[in-house]
Amino acid sequence: DDYKGAESSAALDDFKKRVEAYEAQYEPLQESELDLLQNRQSSVAMPVGSVQIYDGGQKISCCRTGSSLVAAPLISLLHAMHLTRRQILLAPETDLNGVGLPPQCFAEILKREEEKESRVMDV
């Protein structure tokens, strides 16, 4: 909503300034800090983990999230998010008579779209 109705160049400039301000304050969490938090005396035993996102989701690194009931769906959501333009292809599973289509049919559709877009599609 911050950029609704804003000119695209002005919105991009503002976003870049926000990222710069964030980067100036950001301190990456080191794995040794997780050890300190894990070993800290606490009345509630709580696992400590981290999820790091690189380059807008190009890489996601998870550390000590295996036993977390909250982390699993959150990490799945992060994997599903895409910050770049992407194309979603909807292909029929059956023909007009309800007969299942062979896998080669889907490969042909994908190949045709890749040729049209001049790039390899992420499947």
Protein backbone atom coordinates (compact mmCIF):
# COMPACT_ATOMS: atom_id res chain seq x y z
CA ASP A 1 0.00 0.00 0.00
CA ASP A 2 2.97 2.33 0.47
CA TYR A 3 3.41 2.66 -3.28
CA LYS A 4 -0.18 2.49 -4.48
CA GLY A 5 -0.70 5.24 -7.03
CA ALA A 6 2.97 6.29 -6.90
CA GLU A 7 5.09 6.75 -9.98
CA SER A 8 7.20 3.63 -10.52
CA SER A 9 10.57 5.41 -10.54
CA ALA A 10 9.75 7.30 -7.32
CA ALA A 11 8.53 4.07 -5.67
CA LEU A 12 11.71 2.25 -6.70
CA ASP A 13 13.90 5.06 -5.36
CA ASP A 14 12.02 5.04 -2.04
CA PHE A 15 12.30 1.25 -1.78
CA LYS A 16 16.07 1.39 -2.43
CA LYS A 17 16.43 4.03 0.31
CA ARG A 18 14.52 1.81 2.73
CA VAL A 19 16.78 -1.14 1.90
CA GLU A 20 19.88 1.01 2.44
CA ALA A 21 18.54 2.17 5.83
CA TYR A 22 17.82 -1.44 6.79
CA GLU A 23 21.27 -2.62 5.68
CA ALA A 24 22.90 0.11 7.80
CA GLN A 25 21.18 -1.29 10.91
CA TYR A 26 21.21 -5.00 10.08
CA GLU A 27 23.53 -7.31 11.99
CA PRO A 28 23.53 -10.91 10.76
CA LEU A 29 22.91 -13.56 13.39
CA GLN A 30 25.88 -15.85 13.82
CA GLU A 31 25.49 -19.56 14.57
CA SER A 32 27.53 -19.08 17.75
CA GLU A 33 24.83 -16.67 18.97
CA LEU A 34 22.26 -19.43 18.50
CA ASP A 35 24.40 -21.63 20.75
CA LEU A 36 24.38 -18.95 23.46
CA LEU A 37 20.59 -18.58 23.24
CA GLN A 38 20.09 -22.35 23.27
CA ASN A 39 22.25 -22.83 26.39
CA ARG A 40 20.80 -19.85 28.27
CA GLN A 41 19.01 -20.71 31.51
CA SER A 42 15.31 -20.25 30.94
CA SER A 43 12.14 -21.32 32.69
CA VAL A 44 10.72 -22.36 29.31
CA ALA A 45 12.71 -24.72 27.12
CA MET A 46 12.50 -23.20 23.67
CA PRO A 47 14.45 -24.24 20.59
CA VAL A 48 16.21 -21.40 18.84
CA GLY A 49 16.67 -21.48 15.08
CA SER A 50 17.01 -19.13 12.19
CA VAL A 51 15.94 -18.73 8.59
CA GLN A 52 18.10 -16.60 6.32
CA ILE A 53 16.89 -15.35 2.95
CA TYR A 54 19.42 -14.34 0.30
CA ASP A 55 18.86 -12.27 -2.84
CA GLY A 56 15.11 -11.98 -2.55
CA GLY A 57 14.54 -15.71 -2.06
CA GLN A 58 17.12 -17.11 -4.50
CA LYS A 59 18.55 -19.02 -1.53
CA ILE A 60 16.95 -19.87 1.82
CA SER A 61 19.12 -21.24 4.62
CA CYS A 62 17.49 -22.89 7.64
CA CYS A 63 19.38 -23.59 10.86
CA ARG A 64 17.91 -25.62 13.72
CA THR A 65 14.30 -25.41 12.56
CA GLY A 66 13.60 -29.16 12.44
CA SER A 67 11.55 -29.44 15.64
CA SER A 68 9.61 -26.21 15.22
CA LEU A 69 5.90 -26.44 14.45
CA VAL A 70 5.91 -22.78 13.42
CA ALA A 71 8.99 -22.85 11.18
CA ALA A 72 7.85 -25.64 8.83
CA PRO A 73 4.82 -23.86 7.31
CA LEU A 74 6.67 -20.53 7.35
CA ILE A 75 9.61 -21.99 5.41
CA SER A 76 7.19 -23.60 2.93
CA LEU A 77 5.55 -20.22 2.43
CA LEU A 78 8.93 -18.56 1.85
CA HIS A 79 9.83 -21.21 -0.74
CA ALA A 80 6.54 -20.56 -2.56
CA MET A 81 6.97 -16.78 -2.74
CA HIS A 82 8.43 -15.27 -5.88
CA LEU A 83 9.56 -11.66 -6.14
CA THR A 84 10.12 -11.77 -9.86
CA ARG A 85 7.69 -12.07 -12.74
CA ARG A 86 6.79 -15.66 -13.47
CA GLN A 87 4.42 -17.46 -15.74
CA ILE A 88 2.06 -20.14 -14.51
CA LEU A 89 0.95 -22.65 -17.12
CA LEU A 90 -2.38 -24.38 -16.69
CA ALA A 91 -2.54 -27.58 -18.70
CA PRO A 92 -5.46 -30.00 -19.05
CA GLU A 93 -5.12 -33.45 -17.49
CA THR A 94 -7.63 -35.00 -19.84
CA ASP A 95 -8.87 -34.48 -23.36
CA LEU A 96 -12.44 -33.38 -24.14
CA ASN A 97 -13.63 -37.00 -23.73
CA GLY A 98 -12.16 -37.34 -20.24
CA VAL A 99 -9.27 -39.55 -21.35
CA GLY A 100 -5.98 -38.84 -19.57
CA LEU A 101 -3.33 -37.08 -21.62
CA PRO A 102 0.13 -38.66 -21.93
CA PRO A 103 3.12 -36.97 -20.22
CA GLN A 104 4.54 -36.12 -23.66
CA CYS A 105 1.65 -33.69 -24.09
CA PHE A 106 2.80 -31.65 -21.07
CA ALA A 107 6.40 -31.74 -22.29
CA GLU A 108 5.29 -30.36 -25.67
CA ILE A 109 3.33 -27.54 -24.01
CA LEU A 110 6.33 -26.65 -21.84
CA LYS A 111 8.75 -26.77 -24.78
CA ARG A 112 6.48 -24.52 -26.86
CA GLU A 113 6.25 -21.95 -24.04
CA GLU A 114 10.01 -22.04 -23.43
CA GLU A 115 10.61 -21.32 -27.11
CA LYS A 116 8.08 -18.49 -27.06
CA GLU A 117 9.66 -16.93 -23.92
CA SER A 118 13.25 -17.66 -25.06
CA ARG A 119 14.13 -19.05 -21.63
CA VAL A 120 13.96 -22.24 -19.60
CA MET A 121 10.84 -22.46 -17.43
CA ASP A 122 11.02 -23.40 -13.76
CA VAL A 123 8.87 -26.49 -13.27
